[in-house]
Amino acid sequence: MSPKPTQKQLAHQLGVSVATISRVLNDKPGVSEEIRQQVLTLMAQAGYAPNGAARSLATSRSGLIAFVVHQSSHDTREDPFYPFIVAGAESFLGGQGYHILFTSLDDETMQKPQSFAAVAERRVDGLILAGPDISPSFILYHLSQGVPLVIIDNCLQNSEVNCVLNDDFGGEYQAARHLIEKGRRQIVFLSGPQEWVSSRERGRGYAQAVSNAHLPSRIVYAGETTIASGESAMSEALERWPDLDGVCAANDAMAIGAMRVLSSRGARVPQDVAVFGFDDIGWATLTTPPLSTVHVYKRQLGVLAAQRLLDVIADPDLPPVKVVSGTRLILRQSSGD
């Protein structure tokens, strides 16, 4: 078998730069739609054409769907978010004669998607890729191989792919607006990584709410969305804006970290600083005081992704769709409710 063409060879064949090929393979902007489609088509026709493993997904059935998360960032002991999504997908797929293979990606496999065993060893009929930190290059590689897939809590900015998202913008907008209506005027948003679609959209929702109220926008970015990163971001926010009286956190784990820092510094929640989370994980009811948050319909996300994946398996020519699931506010004591 001839080796897969390099990015340099692909660029030469199309008469474009290697940087252009790289931008397409990593879902970066700055490439016309015509060139983007030419690159993806060439990938499918040449060295990136579906391999035997991918072809087998279309011609035979294992009865298994891989549910994939990135290994480093989804510790269910701290942020039990994805197990509920898995449960939703599993409940739907079970009724259709399928089973879930839950697996995780390490950084090395994400950088070398051809080594991903679930596909390379023909174990599964399709992929549900869950999480904002699964790289565009991993997703685009498997799309180029003809592997049926749906992504959850993630979306490519410049390439079409089946995805299932929360209404992150709307949920965060409502949370920030609620704090404003409760009289808070110096509200900070503790954000996850800027490259994550959930961080961007929740940040946009917060920014729109404070802008509408003619209040300042105050955002602290963190490299992850954990309790520890919430502690660090809250500490930074207090250093920059000691007069803050409200916090909207990118998720509940960060909100819990923020409340720990506030408590350690003698600030009362909600009397001095009101706090709002996002996701409504089980731990939100166990904090002191209980955490106000934005409820995400986690099981429904799994069901929606599983439904769409089976549709794509049955008809690979279906055009990609973006499905957005609604959210609702859960008001508890941390916001003064």
C-alpha atoms as a PDB file:
ATOM      1  CA  MET A   1       0.000   0.000   0.000  1.00  0.00           C
ATOM      2  CA  SER A   2       1.387   3.401  -0.972  1.00  0.00           C
ATOM      3  CA  PRO A   3       2.048   5.819   1.876  1.00  0.00           C
ATOM      4  CA  LYS A   4      -0.440   8.557   2.660  1.00  0.00           C
ATOM      5  CA  PRO A   5       0.526  11.844   0.951  1.00  0.00           C
ATOM      6  CA  THR A   6       2.111  14.482   3.128  1.00  0.00           C
ATOM      7  CA  GLN A   7       0.649  17.952   3.597  1.00  0.00           C
ATOM      8  CA  LYS A   8       3.385  19.232   1.269  1.00  0.00           C
ATOM      9  CA  GLN A   9       2.320  16.783  -1.455  1.00  0.00           C
ATOM     10  CA  LEU A  10      -1.348  17.712  -1.008  1.00  0.00           C
ATOM     11  CA  ALA A  11      -0.416  21.387  -1.278  1.00  0.00           C
ATOM     12  CA  HIS A  12       1.612  20.811  -4.444  1.00  0.00           C
ATOM     13  CA  GLN A  13      -1.207  18.857  -6.089  1.00  0.00           C
ATOM     14  CA  LEU A  14      -3.724  21.623  -5.393  1.00  0.00           C
ATOM     15  CA  GLY A  15      -1.355  24.516  -6.012  1.00  0.00           C
ATOM     16  CA  VAL A  16      -1.780  25.992  -2.529  1.00  0.00           C
ATOM     17  CA  SER A  17       0.534  26.501   0.440  1.00  0.00           C
ATOM     18  CA  VAL A  18       1.219  23.947   3.159  1.00  0.00           C
ATOM     19  CA  ALA A  19      -0.199  26.489   5.609  1.00  0.00           C
ATOM     20  CA  THR A  20      -3.508  26.346   3.709  1.00  0.00           C
ATOM     21  CA  ILE A  21      -3.621  22.553   4.001  1.00  0.00           C
ATOM     22  CA  SER A  22      -2.854  22.824   7.702  1.00  0.00           C
ATOM     23  CA  ARG A  23      -5.633  25.374   8.233  1.00  0.00           C
ATOM     24  CA  VAL A  24      -8.164  23.060   6.595  1.00  0.00           C
ATOM     25  CA  LEU A  25      -7.044  19.983   8.534  1.00  0.00           C
ATOM     26  CA  ASN A  26      -7.293  21.925  11.804  1.00  0.00           C
ATOM     27  CA  ASP A  27     -10.571  23.728  11.012  1.00  0.00           C
ATOM     28  CA  LYS A  28      -8.974  27.167  11.005  1.00  0.00           C
ATOM     29  CA  PRO A  29     -10.363  30.243   9.215  1.00  0.00           C
ATOM     30  CA  GLY A  30      -8.681  32.049   6.332  1.00  0.00           C
ATOM     31  CA  VAL A  31      -9.509  29.498   3.609  1.00  0.00           C
ATOM     32  CA  SER A  32     -12.187  29.909   0.968  1.00  0.00           C
ATOM     33  CA  GLU A  33     -14.996  27.384   0.962  1.00  0.00           C
ATOM     34  CA  GLU A  34     -13.969  26.272  -2.535  1.00  0.00           C
ATOM     35  CA  ILE A  35     -10.401  25.454  -1.456  1.00  0.00           C
ATOM     36  CA  ARG A  36     -11.608  23.844   1.772  1.00  0.00           C
ATOM     37  CA  GLN A  37     -13.848  21.485  -0.182  1.00  0.00           C
ATOM     38  CA  GLN A  38     -11.070  20.714  -2.675  1.00  0.00           C
ATOM     39  CA  VAL A  39      -8.729  19.715   0.161  1.00  0.00           C
ATOM     40  CA  LEU A  40     -11.334  17.514   1.840  1.00  0.00           C
ATOM     41  CA  THR A  41     -12.252  15.922  -1.485  1.00  0.00           C
ATOM     42  CA  LEU A  42      -8.619  15.193  -2.275  1.00  0.00           C
ATOM     43  CA  MET A  43      -8.195  13.646   1.161  1.00  0.00           C
ATOM     44  CA  ALA A  44     -11.099  11.344   0.434  1.00  0.00           C
ATOM     45  CA  GLN A  45      -9.867  10.453  -3.063  1.00  0.00           C
ATOM     46  CA  ALA A  46      -6.146  10.086  -2.449  1.00  0.00           C
ATOM     47  CA  GLY A  47      -4.068   9.001   0.492  1.00  0.00           C
ATOM     48  CA  TYR A  48      -6.772   9.827   2.990  1.00  0.00           C
ATOM     49  CA  ALA A  49      -9.366   7.695   1.251  1.00  0.00           C
ATOM     50  CA  PRO A  50     -11.368   5.403   3.540  1.00  0.00           C
ATOM     51  CA  ASN A  51      -9.203   2.544   4.720  1.00  0.00           C
ATOM     52  CA  GLY A  52     -10.343  -1.020   5.171  1.00  0.00           C
ATOM     53  CA  ALA A  53     -11.465  -0.371   8.731  1.00  0.00           C
ATOM     54  CA  ALA A  54     -13.616   2.574   7.708  1.00  0.00           C
ATOM     55  CA  ARG A  55     -15.062   0.703   4.714  1.00  0.00           C
ATOM     56  CA  SER A  56     -16.043  -2.131   7.029  1.00  0.00           C
ATOM     57  CA  LEU A  57     -18.136   0.314   9.055  1.00  0.00           C
ATOM     58  CA  ALA A  58     -20.269   0.918   5.994  1.00  0.00           C
ATOM     59  CA  THR A  59     -20.535  -2.701   4.876  1.00  0.00           C
ATOM     60  CA  SER A  60     -20.888  -4.644   8.126  1.00  0.00           C
ATOM     61  CA  ARG A  61     -22.218  -4.006  11.594  1.00  0.00           C
ATOM     62  CA  SER A  62     -20.639  -4.689  14.953  1.00  0.00           C
ATOM     63  CA  GLY A  63     -23.608  -3.429  16.956  1.00  0.00           C
ATOM     64  CA  LEU A  64     -21.275  -1.145  18.926  1.00  0.00           C
ATOM     65  CA  ILE A  65     -21.080   2.661  19.075  1.00  0.00           C
ATOM     66  CA  ALA A  66     -17.973   4.233  20.617  1.00  0.00           C
ATOM     67  CA  PHE A  67     -18.619   7.048  23.079  1.00  0.00           C
ATOM     68  CA  VAL A  68     -15.332   8.941  23.260  1.00  0.00           C
ATOM     69  CA  VAL A  69     -14.035  11.598  25.670  1.00  0.00           C
ATOM     70  CA  HIS A  70     -10.601  13.171  26.051  1.00  0.00           C
ATOM     71  CA  GLN A  71      -8.765  11.366  28.825  1.00  0.00           C
ATOM     72  CA  SER A  72      -7.146  14.320  30.576  1.00  0.00           C
ATOM     73  CA  SER A  73     -10.088  16.596  31.230  1.00  0.00           C
ATOM     74  CA  HIS A  74     -13.173  14.610  32.163  1.00  0.00           C
ATOM     75  CA  ASP A  75     -12.637  13.360  35.691  1.00  0.00           C
ATOM     76  CA  THR A  76     -16.144  12.244  36.639  1.00  0.00           C
ATOM     77  CA  ARG A  77     -15.238  12.369  40.325  1.00  0.00           C
ATOM     78  CA  GLU A  78     -14.986  16.157  40.044  1.00  0.00           C
ATOM     79  CA  ASP A  79     -17.401  16.977  37.237  1.00  0.00           C
ATOM     80  CA  PRO A  80     -19.916  14.135  36.741  1.00  0.00           C
ATOM     81  CA  PHE A  81     -21.322  15.533  33.489  1.00  0.00           C
ATOM     82  CA  TYR A  82     -20.625  13.024  30.725  1.00  0.00           C
ATOM     83  CA  PRO A  83     -21.851   9.824  32.452  1.00  0.00           C
ATOM     84  CA  PHE A  84     -25.409  11.187  32.224  1.00  0.00           C
ATOM     85  CA  ILE A  85     -24.960  11.856  28.518  1.00  0.00           C
ATOM     86  CA  VAL A  86     -23.647   8.309  28.066  1.00  0.00           C
ATOM     87  CA  ALA A  87     -26.706   6.990  29.903  1.00  0.00           C
ATOM     88  CA  GLY A  88     -29.029   8.860  27.548  1.00  0.00           C
ATOM     89  CA  ALA A  89     -27.237   7.573  24.463  1.00  0.00           C
ATOM     90  CA  GLU A  90     -27.151   4.040  25.855  1.00  0.00           C
ATOM     91  CA  SER A  91     -30.860   4.002  26.662  1.00  0.00           C
ATOM     92  CA  PHE A  92     -31.766   5.023  23.113  1.00  0.00           C
ATOM     93  CA  LEU A  93     -29.232   2.799  21.368  1.00  0.00           C
ATOM     94  CA  GLY A  94     -30.245  -0.222  23.452  1.00  0.00           C
ATOM     95  CA  GLY A  95     -33.748   0.046  22.060  1.00  0.00           C
ATOM     96  CA  GLN A  96     -32.286  -0.042  18.548  1.00  0.00           C
ATOM     97  CA  GLY A  97     -30.112  -3.121  19.066  1.00  0.00           C
ATOM     98  CA  TYR A  98     -26.852  -1.255  19.701  1.00  0.00           C
ATOM     99  CA  HIS A  99     -24.498  -1.111  22.653  1.00  0.00           C
ATOM    100  CA  ILE A 100     -22.053   1.549  23.913  1.00  0.00           C
ATOM    101  CA  LEU A 101     -18.292   1.134  24.017  1.00  0.00           C
ATOM    102  CA  PHE A 102     -17.070   3.869  26.375  1.00  0.00           C
ATOM    103  CA  THR A 103     -13.467   4.855  25.673  1.00  0.00           C
ATOM    104  CA  SER A 104     -11.109   7.779  26.194  1.00  0.00           C
ATOM    105  CA  LEU A 105      -8.502   9.494  24.054  1.00  0.00           C
ATOM    106  CA  ASP A 106      -5.031  10.282  25.305  1.00  0.00           C
ATOM    107  CA  ASP A 107      -3.083  13.135  23.762  1.00  0.00           C
ATOM    108  CA  GLU A 108      -0.895  10.851  21.643  1.00  0.00           C
ATOM    109  CA  THR A 109      -3.864   9.124  20.003  1.00  0.00           C
ATOM    110  CA  MET A 110      -5.575  12.448  19.384  1.00  0.00           C
ATOM    111  CA  GLN A 111      -2.450  13.614  17.542  1.00  0.00           C
ATOM    112  CA  LYS A 112      -2.310  10.330  15.574  1.00  0.00           C
ATOM    113  CA  PRO A 113      -5.966   9.594  14.802  1.00  0.00           C
ATOM    114  CA  GLN A 114      -5.089   6.711  12.494  1.00  0.00           C
ATOM    115  CA  SER A 115      -4.022   4.783  15.613  1.00  0.00           C
ATOM    116  CA  PHE A 116      -7.436   5.042  17.277  1.00  0.00           C
ATOM    117  CA  ALA A 117      -8.096   1.368  17.952  1.00  0.00           C
ATOM    118  CA  ALA A 118     -11.909   1.429  18.022  1.00  0.00           C
ATOM    119  CA  VAL A 119     -11.929   2.320  14.308  1.00  0.00           C
ATOM    120  CA  ALA A 120      -8.597   0.838  13.220  1.00  0.00           C
ATOM    121  CA  GLU A 121      -9.612  -2.588  14.590  1.00  0.00           C
ATOM    122  CA  ARG A 122     -13.144  -2.375  13.176  1.00  0.00           C
ATOM    123  CA  ARG A 123     -14.827  -2.611  16.555  1.00  0.00           C
ATOM    124  CA  VAL A 124     -17.572  -0.008  16.106  1.00  0.00           C
ATOM    125  CA  ASP A 125     -20.165   1.246  13.639  1.00  0.00           C
ATOM    126  CA  GLY A 126     -19.823   4.923  14.502  1.00  0.00           C
ATOM    127  CA  LEU A 127     -18.496   7.493  16.956  1.00  0.00           C
ATOM    128  CA  ILE A 128     -20.008   9.894  19.467  1.00  0.00           C
ATOM    129  CA  LEU A 129     -17.202  12.314  20.329  1.00  0.00           C
ATOM    130  CA  ALA A 130     -18.035  14.216  23.513  1.00  0.00           C
ATOM    131  CA  GLY A 131     -16.268  17.292  24.808  1.00  0.00           C
ATOM    132  CA  PRO A 132     -14.972  20.659  23.640  1.00  0.00           C
ATOM    133  CA  ASP A 133     -11.324  19.578  23.761  1.00  0.00           C
ATOM    134  CA  ILE A 134     -11.424  16.836  21.119  1.00  0.00           C
ATOM    135  CA  SER A 135      -9.305  18.376  18.408  1.00  0.00           C
ATOM    136  CA  PRO A 136     -10.631  19.438  14.992  1.00  0.00           C
ATOM    137  CA  SER A 137      -7.870  17.413  13.324  1.00  0.00           C
ATOM    138  CA  PHE A 138      -9.069  14.204  15.030  1.00  0.00           C
ATOM    139  CA  ILE A 139     -12.653  14.897  13.994  1.00  0.00           C
ATOM    140  CA  LEU A 140     -11.779  15.852  10.414  1.00  0.00           C
ATOM    141  CA  TYR A 141      -9.526  12.825   9.959  1.00  0.00           C
ATOM    142  CA  HIS A 142     -12.361  10.430  10.752  1.00  0.00           C
ATOM    143  CA  LEU A 143     -14.798  12.394   8.616  1.00  0.00           C
ATOM    144  CA  SER A 144     -12.354  12.081   5.724  1.00  0.00           C
ATOM    145  CA  GLN A 145     -12.280   8.331   6.339  1.00  0.00           C
ATOM    146  CA  GLY A 146     -16.049   8.061   5.966  1.00  0.00           C
ATOM    147  CA  VAL A 147     -16.615   7.160   9.625  1.00  0.00           C
ATOM    148  CA  PRO A 148     -20.144   8.064  10.823  1.00  0.00           C
ATOM    149  CA  LEU A 149     -19.827  10.437  13.776  1.00  0.00           C
ATOM    150  CA  VAL A 150     -21.600  13.045  15.878  1.00  0.00           C
ATOM    151  CA  ILE A 151     -19.914  15.467  18.270  1.00  0.00           C
ATOM    152  CA  ILE A 152     -21.399  16.681  21.569  1.00  0.00           C
ATOM    153  CA  ASP A 153     -20.545  19.930  23.383  1.00  0.00           C
ATOM    154  CA  ASN A 154     -18.272  20.814  20.469  1.00  0.00           C
ATOM    155  CA  CYS A 155     -18.602  22.293  17.002  1.00  0.00           C
ATOM    156  CA  LEU A 156     -16.186  23.066  14.195  1.00  0.00           C
ATOM    157  CA  GLN A 157     -16.151  26.725  13.202  1.00  0.00           C
ATOM    158  CA  ASN A 158     -15.272  26.283   9.528  1.00  0.00           C
ATOM    159  CA  SER A 159     -16.277  22.727   8.586  1.00  0.00           C
ATOM    160  CA  GLU A 160     -19.702  21.103   8.563  1.00  0.00           C
ATOM    161  CA  VAL A 161     -20.231  18.235  10.994  1.00  0.00           C
ATOM    162  CA  ASN A 162     -23.150  16.713  12.884  1.00  0.00           C
ATOM    163  CA  CYS A 163     -23.123  18.231  16.370  1.00  0.00           C
ATOM    164  CA  VAL A 164     -25.338  18.470  19.453  1.00  0.00           C
ATOM    165  CA  LEU A 165     -24.944  21.532  21.683  1.00  0.00           C
ATOM    166  CA  ASN A 166     -26.550  23.228  24.664  1.00  0.00           C
ATOM    167  CA  ASP A 167     -28.040  26.682  24.369  1.00  0.00           C
ATOM    168  CA  ASP A 168     -24.900  28.011  26.040  1.00  0.00           C
ATOM    169  CA  PHE A 169     -25.500  31.596  24.981  1.00  0.00           C
ATOM    170  CA  GLY A 170     -29.097  31.675  26.177  1.00  0.00           C
ATOM    171  CA  GLY A 171     -28.383  29.887  29.442  1.00  0.00           C
ATOM    172  CA  GLU A 172     -25.553  32.219  30.460  1.00  0.00           C
ATOM    173  CA  TYR A 173     -27.476  35.273  29.333  1.00  0.00           C
ATOM    174  CA  GLN A 174     -30.360  34.311  31.626  1.00  0.00           C
ATOM    175  CA  ALA A 175     -28.013  33.601  34.556  1.00  0.00           C
ATOM    176  CA  ALA A 176     -26.236  36.952  34.284  1.00  0.00           C
ATOM    177  CA  ARG A 177     -29.493  38.804  33.765  1.00  0.00           C
ATOM    178  CA  HIS A 178     -30.921  37.167  36.895  1.00  0.00           C
ATOM    179  CA  LEU A 179     -27.994  38.436  38.978  1.00  0.00           C
ATOM    180  CA  ILE A 180     -28.465  41.905  37.487  1.00  0.00           C
ATOM    181  CA  GLU A 181     -32.161  41.815  38.376  1.00  0.00           C
ATOM    182  CA  LYS A 182     -31.144  40.880  41.939  1.00  0.00           C
ATOM    183  CA  GLY A 183     -29.197  44.133  42.110  1.00  0.00           C
ATOM    184  CA  ARG A 184     -25.660  42.945  41.309  1.00  0.00           C
ATOM    185  CA  ARG A 185     -23.637  45.485  39.363  1.00  0.00           C
ATOM    186  CA  GLN A 186     -20.033  44.229  39.391  1.00  0.00           C
ATOM    187  CA  ILE A 187     -20.314  40.749  37.909  1.00  0.00           C
ATOM    188  CA  VAL A 188     -17.355  38.703  36.693  1.00  0.00           C
ATOM    189  CA  PHE A 189     -17.445  35.737  34.306  1.00  0.00           C
ATOM    190  CA  LEU A 190     -15.029  32.892  35.033  1.00  0.00           C
ATOM    191  CA  SER A 191     -14.461  31.334  31.613  1.00  0.00           C
ATOM    192  CA  GLY A 192     -12.970  28.114  30.371  1.00  0.00           C
ATOM    193  CA  PRO A 193     -10.558  28.037  27.402  1.00  0.00           C
ATOM    194  CA  GLN A 194     -11.430  30.538  24.674  1.00  0.00           C
ATOM    195  CA  GLU A 195     -11.112  27.911  21.941  1.00  0.00           C
ATOM    196  CA  TRP A 196     -13.990  25.865  23.412  1.00  0.00           C
ATOM    197  CA  VAL A 197     -17.359  26.583  21.842  1.00  0.00           C
ATOM    198  CA  SER A 198     -19.117  26.342  25.223  1.00  0.00           C
ATOM    199  CA  SER A 199     -16.755  28.945  26.733  1.00  0.00           C
ATOM    200  CA  ARG A 200     -17.205  31.282  23.779  1.00  0.00           C
ATOM    201  CA  GLU A 201     -20.984  31.019  23.758  1.00  0.00           C
ATOM    202  CA  ARG A 202     -21.396  31.291  27.526  1.00  0.00           C
ATOM    203  CA  GLY A 203     -19.045  34.261  27.493  1.00  0.00           C
ATOM    204  CA  ARG A 204     -21.124  35.870  24.738  1.00  0.00           C
ATOM    205  CA  GLY A 205     -24.292  35.368  26.759  1.00  0.00           C
ATOM    206  CA  TYR A 206     -22.755  36.972  29.841  1.00  0.00           C
ATOM    207  CA  ALA A 207     -21.329  39.865  27.800  1.00  0.00           C
ATOM    208  CA  GLN A 208     -24.681  40.537  26.145  1.00  0.00           C
ATOM    209  CA  ALA A 209     -26.479  40.640  29.503  1.00  0.00           C
ATOM    210  CA  VAL A 210     -24.064  43.097  31.126  1.00  0.00           C
ATOM    211  CA  SER A 211     -23.916  45.211  27.965  1.00  0.00           C
ATOM    212  CA  ASN A 212     -27.713  45.473  27.862  1.00  0.00           C
ATOM    213  CA  ALA A 213     -27.608  46.692  31.465  1.00  0.00           C
ATOM    214  CA  HIS A 214     -24.776  49.165  30.684  1.00  0.00           C
ATOM    215  CA  LEU A 215     -22.460  47.361  33.111  1.00  0.00           C
ATOM    216  CA  PRO A 216     -18.748  46.597  32.652  1.00  0.00           C
ATOM    217  CA  SER A 217     -17.663  43.249  31.195  1.00  0.00           C
ATOM    218  CA  ARG A 218     -15.172  41.455  33.429  1.00  0.00           C
ATOM    219  CA  ILE A 219     -13.856  38.092  32.231  1.00  0.00           C
ATOM    220  CA  VAL A 220     -11.106  35.830  33.588  1.00  0.00           C
ATOM    221  CA  TYR A 221      -9.993  32.956  31.335  1.00  0.00           C
ATOM    222  CA  ALA A 222      -8.803  29.619  32.703  1.00  0.00           C
ATOM    223  CA  GLY A 223      -7.073  26.742  30.910  1.00  0.00           C
ATOM    224  CA  GLU A 224      -9.613  24.181  32.117  1.00  0.00           C
ATOM    225  CA  THR A 225     -12.979  23.996  33.882  1.00  0.00           C
ATOM    226  CA  THR A 226     -12.194  22.325  37.208  1.00  0.00           C
ATOM    227  CA  ILE A 227     -12.551  23.215  40.873  1.00  0.00           C
ATOM    228  CA  ALA A 228      -8.854  24.130  40.935  1.00  0.00           C
ATOM    229  CA  SER A 229      -9.153  26.413  37.905  1.00  0.00           C
ATOM    230  CA  GLY A 230     -12.204  28.028  39.495  1.00  0.00           C
ATOM    231  CA  GLU A 231     -10.128  28.762  42.586  1.00  0.00           C
ATOM    232  CA  SER A 232      -7.339  30.303  40.512  1.00  0.00           C
ATOM    233  CA  ALA A 233      -9.720  32.348  38.367  1.00  0.00           C
ATOM    234  CA  MET A 234     -11.613  33.608  41.428  1.00  0.00           C
ATOM    235  CA  SER A 235      -8.367  34.643  43.096  1.00  0.00           C
ATOM    236  CA  GLU A 236      -7.360  36.562  39.977  1.00  0.00           C
ATOM    237  CA  ALA A 237     -10.777  38.204  39.731  1.00  0.00           C
ATOM    238  CA  LEU A 238     -10.590  39.422  43.341  1.00  0.00           C
ATOM    239  CA  GLU A 239      -7.141  40.869  42.718  1.00  0.00           C
ATOM    240  CA  ARG A 240      -8.334  42.750  39.642  1.00  0.00           C
ATOM    241  CA  TRP A 241     -11.790  43.763  40.869  1.00  0.00           C
ATOM    242  CA  PRO A 242     -12.007  43.712  44.673  1.00  0.00           C
ATOM    243  CA  ASP A 243     -15.435  45.384  44.453  1.00  0.00           C
ATOM    244  CA  LEU A 244     -17.060  42.497  42.537  1.00  0.00           C
ATOM    245  CA  ASP A 245     -20.447  41.401  43.866  1.00  0.00           C
ATOM    246  CA  GLY A 246     -21.447  38.635  41.451  1.00  0.00           C
ATOM    247  CA  VAL A 247     -19.881  35.628  39.730  1.00  0.00           C
ATOM    248  CA  CYS A 248     -21.052  33.669  36.690  1.00  0.00           C
ATOM    249  CA  ALA A 249     -18.888  30.580  36.258  1.00  0.00           C
ATOM    250  CA  ALA A 250     -18.462  28.564  33.056  1.00  0.00           C
ATOM    251  CA  ASN A 251     -19.546  25.425  34.903  1.00  0.00           C
ATOM    252  CA  ASP A 252     -20.438  24.174  38.362  1.00  0.00           C
ATOM    253  CA  ALA A 253     -16.942  22.891  39.145  1.00  0.00           C
ATOM    254  CA  MET A 254     -15.488  26.365  38.623  1.00  0.00           C
ATOM    255  CA  ALA A 255     -18.314  27.878  40.673  1.00  0.00           C
ATOM    256  CA  ILE A 256     -17.514  25.507  43.550  1.00  0.00           C
ATOM    257  CA  GLY A 257     -13.866  26.559  43.360  1.00  0.00           C
ATOM    258  CA  ALA A 258     -14.917  30.215  43.386  1.00  0.00           C
ATOM    259  CA  MET A 259     -17.083  29.703  46.474  1.00  0.00           C
ATOM    260  CA  ARG A 260     -14.172  28.049  48.284  1.00  0.00           C
ATOM    261  CA  VAL A 261     -11.955  31.073  47.665  1.00  0.00           C
ATOM    262  CA  LEU A 262     -14.659  33.528  48.693  1.00  0.00           C
ATOM    263  CA  SER A 263     -15.253  31.600  51.923  1.00  0.00           C
ATOM    264  CA  SER A 264     -11.525  31.462  52.697  1.00  0.00           C
ATOM    265  CA  ARG A 265     -11.345  35.251  52.365  1.00  0.00           C
ATOM    266  CA  GLY A 266     -14.313  35.917  54.594  1.00  0.00           C
ATOM    267  CA  ALA A 267     -16.725  36.905  51.811  1.00  0.00           C
ATOM    268  CA  ARG A 268     -20.284  35.709  52.382  1.00  0.00           C
ATOM    269  CA  VAL A 269     -22.242  33.997  49.613  1.00  0.00           C
ATOM    270  CA  PRO A 270     -24.673  35.410  48.592  1.00  0.00           C
ATOM    271  CA  GLN A 271     -24.721  38.430  50.911  1.00  0.00           C
ATOM    272  CA  ASP A 272     -21.409  39.839  49.656  1.00  0.00           C
ATOM    273  CA  VAL A 273     -20.984  37.957  46.374  1.00  0.00           C
ATOM    274  CA  ALA A 274     -23.695  36.026  44.511  1.00  0.00           C
ATOM    275  CA  VAL A 275     -22.530  32.963  42.538  1.00  0.00           C
ATOM    276  CA  PHE A 276     -24.068  31.165  39.539  1.00  0.00           C
ATOM    277  CA  GLY A 277     -22.833  27.938  37.969  1.00  0.00           C
ATOM    278  CA  PHE A 278     -23.697  26.061  34.783  1.00  0.00           C
ATOM    279  CA  ASP A 279     -24.596  22.376  34.095  1.00  0.00           C
ATOM    280  CA  ASP A 280     -26.506  21.464  37.308  1.00  0.00           C
ATOM    281  CA  ILE A 281     -24.349  18.514  38.343  1.00  0.00           C
ATOM    282  CA  GLY A 282     -25.276  16.589  41.492  1.00  0.00           C
ATOM    283  CA  TRP A 283     -22.711  18.411  43.606  1.00  0.00           C
ATOM    284  CA  ALA A 284     -24.551  21.707  43.081  1.00  0.00           C
ATOM    285  CA  THR A 285     -27.025  20.794  45.848  1.00  0.00           C
ATOM    286  CA  LEU A 286     -24.252  19.828  48.286  1.00  0.00           C
ATOM    287  CA  THR A 287     -22.378  23.137  48.468  1.00  0.00           C
ATOM    288  CA  THR A 288     -22.842  25.648  51.283  1.00  0.00           C
ATOM    289  CA  PRO A 289     -24.976  27.441  50.325  1.00  0.00           C
ATOM    290  CA  PRO A 290     -26.549  25.306  47.552  1.00  0.00           C
ATOM    291  CA  LEU A 291     -25.474  26.499  44.110  1.00  0.00           C
ATOM    292  CA  SER A 292     -27.743  28.292  41.665  1.00  0.00           C
ATOM    293  CA  THR A 293     -26.996  27.016  38.190  1.00  0.00           C
ATOM    294  CA  VAL A 294     -28.156  26.527  34.612  1.00  0.00           C
ATOM    295  CA  HIS A 295     -29.707  23.118  34.087  1.00  0.00           C
ATOM    296  CA  VAL A 296     -28.447  21.176  31.081  1.00  0.00           C
ATOM    297  CA  TYR A 297     -30.553  18.269  29.833  1.00  0.00           C
ATOM    298  CA  LYS A 298     -27.648  15.850  29.853  1.00  0.00           C
ATOM    299  CA  ARG A 299     -29.515  12.638  29.073  1.00  0.00           C
ATOM    300  CA  GLN A 300     -31.320  14.378  26.239  1.00  0.00           C
ATOM    301  CA  LEU A 301     -27.977  15.367  24.700  1.00  0.00           C
ATOM    302  CA  GLY A 302     -27.062  11.685  24.569  1.00  0.00           C
ATOM    303  CA  VAL A 303     -30.384  10.698  23.062  1.00  0.00           C
ATOM    304  CA  LEU A 304     -30.183  13.408  20.391  1.00  0.00           C
ATOM    305  CA  ALA A 305     -26.625  12.423  19.454  1.00  0.00           C
ATOM    306  CA  ALA A 306     -27.509   8.728  19.273  1.00  0.00           C
ATOM    307  CA  GLN A 307     -30.577   9.404  17.121  1.00  0.00           C
ATOM    308  CA  ARG A 308     -28.566  11.467  14.685  1.00  0.00           C
ATOM    309  CA  LEU A 309     -25.735   8.954  14.521  1.00  0.00           C
ATOM    310  CA  LEU A 310     -28.068   6.093  13.607  1.00  0.00           C
ATOM    311  CA  ASP A 311     -29.607   8.301  10.905  1.00  0.00           C
ATOM    312  CA  VAL A 312     -26.122   8.928   9.470  1.00  0.00           C
ATOM    313  CA  ILE A 313     -25.227   5.241   9.631  1.00  0.00           C
ATOM    314  CA  ALA A 314     -28.410   4.421   7.696  1.00  0.00           C
ATOM    315  CA  ASP A 315     -27.842   7.225   5.161  1.00  0.00           C
ATOM    316  CA  PRO A 316     -24.252   8.543   4.946  1.00  0.00           C
ATOM    317  CA  ASP A 317     -25.317  11.197   2.417  1.00  0.00           C
ATOM    318  CA  LEU A 318     -27.470  13.112   4.899  1.00  0.00           C
ATOM    319  CA  PRO A 319     -26.318  16.746   5.186  1.00  0.00           C
ATOM    320  CA  PRO A 320     -24.775  17.644   8.583  1.00  0.00           C
ATOM    321  CA  VAL A 321     -27.015  19.317  11.152  1.00  0.00           C
ATOM    322  CA  LYS A 322     -26.469  21.314  14.336  1.00  0.00           C
ATOM    323  CA  VAL A 323     -28.931  20.467  17.120  1.00  0.00           C
ATOM    324  CA  VAL A 324     -29.261  22.861  20.068  1.00  0.00           C
ATOM    325  CA  SER A 325     -30.820  21.646  23.324  1.00  0.00           C
ATOM    326  CA  GLY A 326     -32.488  24.155  25.638  1.00  0.00           C
ATOM    327  CA  THR A 327     -31.522  25.026  29.224  1.00  0.00           C
ATOM    328  CA  ARG A 328     -33.306  26.437  32.296  1.00  0.00           C
ATOM    329  CA  LEU A 329     -32.320  28.298  35.445  1.00  0.00           C
ATOM    330  CA  ILE A 330     -32.193  26.461  38.764  1.00  0.00           C
ATOM    331  CA  LEU A 331     -32.403  29.036  41.546  1.00  0.00           C
ATOM    332  CA  ARG A 332     -30.873  28.201  44.927  1.00  0.00           C
ATOM    333  CA  GLN A 333     -29.360  30.154  47.799  1.00  0.00           C
ATOM    334  CA  SER A 334     -25.988  31.064  46.238  1.00  0.00           C
ATOM    335  CA  SER A 335     -27.664  33.722  44.084  1.00  0.00           C
ATOM    336  CA  GLY A 336     -29.795  35.040  46.935  1.00  0.00           C
ATOM    337  CA  ASP A 337     -32.903  33.045  46.006  1.00  0.00           C
END
